[in-house]
Amino acid sequence: MHAADGQQAHTMIDEMPPPALVLLDIMLPYLNGLQLLAHIRQKAEWRQVPIIMLTADSNERDIQQALAAGANDYMVKPFNPRELTARLQRFLTVPS
């Protein structure tokens, strides 16, 4: 699933069952990723969903805030696809 902006993501969070993982940008129109992160962590059924922040925002304060608010990992764009894959694999288990 993909959301075009923060407001659409907010609606999706409220209406759909929790996914296996969330990739979340900080810089989104309408609602930013930190606001969405707080919203996700307030929902009991979404609390255990791993969240990786994937954003061009390299501000140290925002990184600290995201991790303190419940993000499981933080990657700054541009990113290495192999590194992203390795980080995703930490949170996803593939049935054999």
C-alpha atoms as a PDB file:
ATOM      1  CA  MET A   1       0.000   0.000   0.000  1.00  0.00           C
ATOM      2  CA  HIS A   2       1.149   3.514  -0.761  1.00  0.00           C
ATOM      3  CA  ALA A   3      -0.174   6.832   0.491  1.00  0.00           C
ATOM      4  CA  ALA A   4       0.296  10.005  -1.551  1.00  0.00           C
ATOM      5  CA  ASP A   5       0.395  12.306   1.510  1.00  0.00           C
ATOM      6  CA  GLY A   6       0.122  12.349   5.277  1.00  0.00           C
ATOM      7  CA  GLN A   7      -3.637  12.807   5.338  1.00  0.00           C
ATOM      8  CA  GLN A   8      -4.212   9.797   3.090  1.00  0.00           C
ATOM      9  CA  ALA A   9      -1.816   7.755   5.247  1.00  0.00           C
ATOM     10  CA  HIS A  10      -3.727   8.801   8.388  1.00  0.00           C
ATOM     11  CA  THR A  11      -6.987   7.590   6.844  1.00  0.00           C
ATOM     12  CA  MET A  12      -5.384   4.303   5.774  1.00  0.00           C
ATOM     13  CA  ILE A  13      -4.021   3.733   9.287  1.00  0.00           C
ATOM     14  CA  ASP A  14      -7.516   4.197  10.697  1.00  0.00           C
ATOM     15  CA  GLU A  15      -9.237   1.957   8.150  1.00  0.00           C
ATOM     16  CA  MET A  16      -6.918  -0.946   7.342  1.00  0.00           C
ATOM     17  CA  PRO A  17      -5.487  -3.797   9.399  1.00  0.00           C
ATOM     18  CA  PRO A  18      -1.866  -3.408  10.455  1.00  0.00           C
ATOM     19  CA  PRO A  19       0.722  -4.279   7.789  1.00  0.00           C
ATOM     20  CA  ALA A  20       3.867  -6.321   8.373  1.00  0.00           C
ATOM     21  CA  LEU A  21       6.044  -3.184   8.219  1.00  0.00           C
ATOM     22  CA  VAL A  22       5.793   0.558   7.552  1.00  0.00           C
ATOM     23  CA  LEU A  23       8.281   2.678   5.592  1.00  0.00           C
ATOM     24  CA  LEU A  24       7.575   6.256   6.594  1.00  0.00           C
ATOM     25  CA  ASP A  25       8.943   9.551   5.295  1.00  0.00           C
ATOM     26  CA  ILE A  26       9.087  12.571   7.600  1.00  0.00           C
ATOM     27  CA  MET A  27       8.526  15.161   4.885  1.00  0.00           C
ATOM     28  CA  LEU A  28       4.928  14.621   3.774  1.00  0.00           C
ATOM     29  CA  PRO A  29       2.217  17.119   2.815  1.00  0.00           C
ATOM     30  CA  TYR A  30      -0.626  17.803   5.309  1.00  0.00           C
ATOM     31  CA  LEU A  31       0.642  15.591   8.159  1.00  0.00           C
ATOM     32  CA  ASN A  32       4.325  14.850   8.570  1.00  0.00           C
ATOM     33  CA  GLY A  33       5.844  11.478   9.335  1.00  0.00           C
ATOM     34  CA  LEU A  34       6.458  12.301  12.993  1.00  0.00           C
ATOM     35  CA  GLN A  35       2.748  13.054  13.439  1.00  0.00           C
ATOM     36  CA  LEU A  36       1.862   9.794  11.688  1.00  0.00           C
ATOM     37  CA  LEU A  37       4.367   7.885  13.812  1.00  0.00           C
ATOM     38  CA  ALA A  38       2.662   9.168  16.969  1.00  0.00           C
ATOM     39  CA  HIS A  39      -0.741   8.241  15.535  1.00  0.00           C
ATOM     40  CA  ILE A  40       0.421   4.711  14.690  1.00  0.00           C
ATOM     41  CA  ARG A  41       1.919   4.126  18.131  1.00  0.00           C
ATOM     42  CA  GLN A  42      -1.344   5.242  19.798  1.00  0.00           C
ATOM     43  CA  LYS A  43      -3.287   2.457  18.072  1.00  0.00           C
ATOM     44  CA  ALA A  44      -3.053  -0.759  20.093  1.00  0.00           C
ATOM     45  CA  GLU A  45      -3.270  -3.072  17.086  1.00  0.00           C
ATOM     46  CA  TRP A  46      -0.457  -1.178  15.291  1.00  0.00           C
ATOM     47  CA  ARG A  47       1.957  -0.827  18.238  1.00  0.00           C
ATOM     48  CA  GLN A  48       4.088  -3.835  17.310  1.00  0.00           C
ATOM     49  CA  VAL A  49       4.356  -2.958  13.603  1.00  0.00           C
ATOM     50  CA  PRO A  50       8.007  -2.215  12.766  1.00  0.00           C
ATOM     51  CA  ILE A  51       8.458   1.319  11.400  1.00  0.00           C
ATOM     52  CA  ILE A  52      11.485   2.366   9.390  1.00  0.00           C
ATOM     53  CA  MET A  53      11.806   6.067   8.740  1.00  0.00           C
ATOM     54  CA  LEU A  54      13.137   6.500   5.184  1.00  0.00           C
ATOM     55  CA  THR A  55      13.654  10.192   4.575  1.00  0.00           C
ATOM     56  CA  ALA A  56      15.948  12.901   3.266  1.00  0.00           C
ATOM     57  CA  ASP A  57      15.706  14.556   6.695  1.00  0.00           C
ATOM     58  CA  SER A  58      19.088  14.114   8.350  1.00  0.00           C
ATOM     59  CA  ASN A  59      18.383  16.579  11.178  1.00  0.00           C
ATOM     60  CA  GLU A  60      19.763  15.015  14.351  1.00  0.00           C
ATOM     61  CA  ARG A  61      16.862  16.318  16.449  1.00  0.00           C
ATOM     62  CA  ASP A  62      14.319  14.718  14.094  1.00  0.00           C
ATOM     63  CA  ILE A  63      16.206  11.419  14.145  1.00  0.00           C
ATOM     64  CA  GLN A  64      16.242  11.408  17.953  1.00  0.00           C
ATOM     65  CA  GLN A  65      12.573  12.408  18.077  1.00  0.00           C
ATOM     66  CA  ALA A  66      11.548   9.642  15.645  1.00  0.00           C
ATOM     67  CA  LEU A  67      13.438   6.942  17.544  1.00  0.00           C
ATOM     68  CA  ALA A  68      12.106   8.183  20.892  1.00  0.00           C
ATOM     69  CA  ALA A  69       8.553   8.192  19.480  1.00  0.00           C
ATOM     70  CA  GLY A  70       8.773   4.532  18.498  1.00  0.00           C
ATOM     71  CA  ALA A  71      10.486   4.251  15.112  1.00  0.00           C
ATOM     72  CA  ASN A  72      12.447   1.002  14.940  1.00  0.00           C
ATOM     73  CA  ASP A  73      15.048   2.297  12.493  1.00  0.00           C
ATOM     74  CA  TYR A  74      15.970   5.442  10.549  1.00  0.00           C
ATOM     75  CA  MET A  75      17.596   5.702   7.116  1.00  0.00           C
ATOM     76  CA  VAL A  76      18.547   8.866   5.284  1.00  0.00           C
ATOM     77  CA  LYS A  77      18.044   9.250   1.525  1.00  0.00           C
ATOM     78  CA  PRO A  78      19.769   8.688  -0.760  1.00  0.00           C
ATOM     79  CA  PHE A  79      20.130   5.130   0.499  1.00  0.00           C
ATOM     80  CA  ASN A  80      21.826   1.957  -0.624  1.00  0.00           C
ATOM     81  CA  PRO A  81      19.160  -0.571  -1.710  1.00  0.00           C
ATOM     82  CA  ARG A  82      21.153  -3.477  -0.246  1.00  0.00           C
ATOM     83  CA  GLU A  83      21.329  -1.720   3.102  1.00  0.00           C
ATOM     84  CA  LEU A  84      17.566  -1.110   3.038  1.00  0.00           C
ATOM     85  CA  THR A  85      16.979  -4.778   2.169  1.00  0.00           C
ATOM     86  CA  ALA A  86      19.188  -5.865   5.080  1.00  0.00           C
ATOM     87  CA  ARG A  87      17.311  -3.585   7.468  1.00  0.00           C
ATOM     88  CA  LEU A  88      13.937  -4.816   6.198  1.00  0.00           C
ATOM     89  CA  GLN A  89      15.016  -8.426   6.694  1.00  0.00           C
ATOM     90  CA  ARG A  90      15.677  -7.694  10.375  1.00  0.00           C
ATOM     91  CA  PHE A  91      11.961  -7.059  10.848  1.00  0.00           C
ATOM     92  CA  LEU A  92      10.325  -9.445   8.391  1.00  0.00           C
ATOM     93  CA  THR A  93      10.268 -13.208   8.593  1.00  0.00           C
ATOM     94  CA  VAL A  94       9.609 -15.147   5.429  1.00  0.00           C
ATOM     95  CA  PRO A  95       7.731 -18.412   5.962  1.00  0.00           C
ATOM     96  CA  SER A  96       9.643 -21.435   4.679  1.00  0.00           C
END
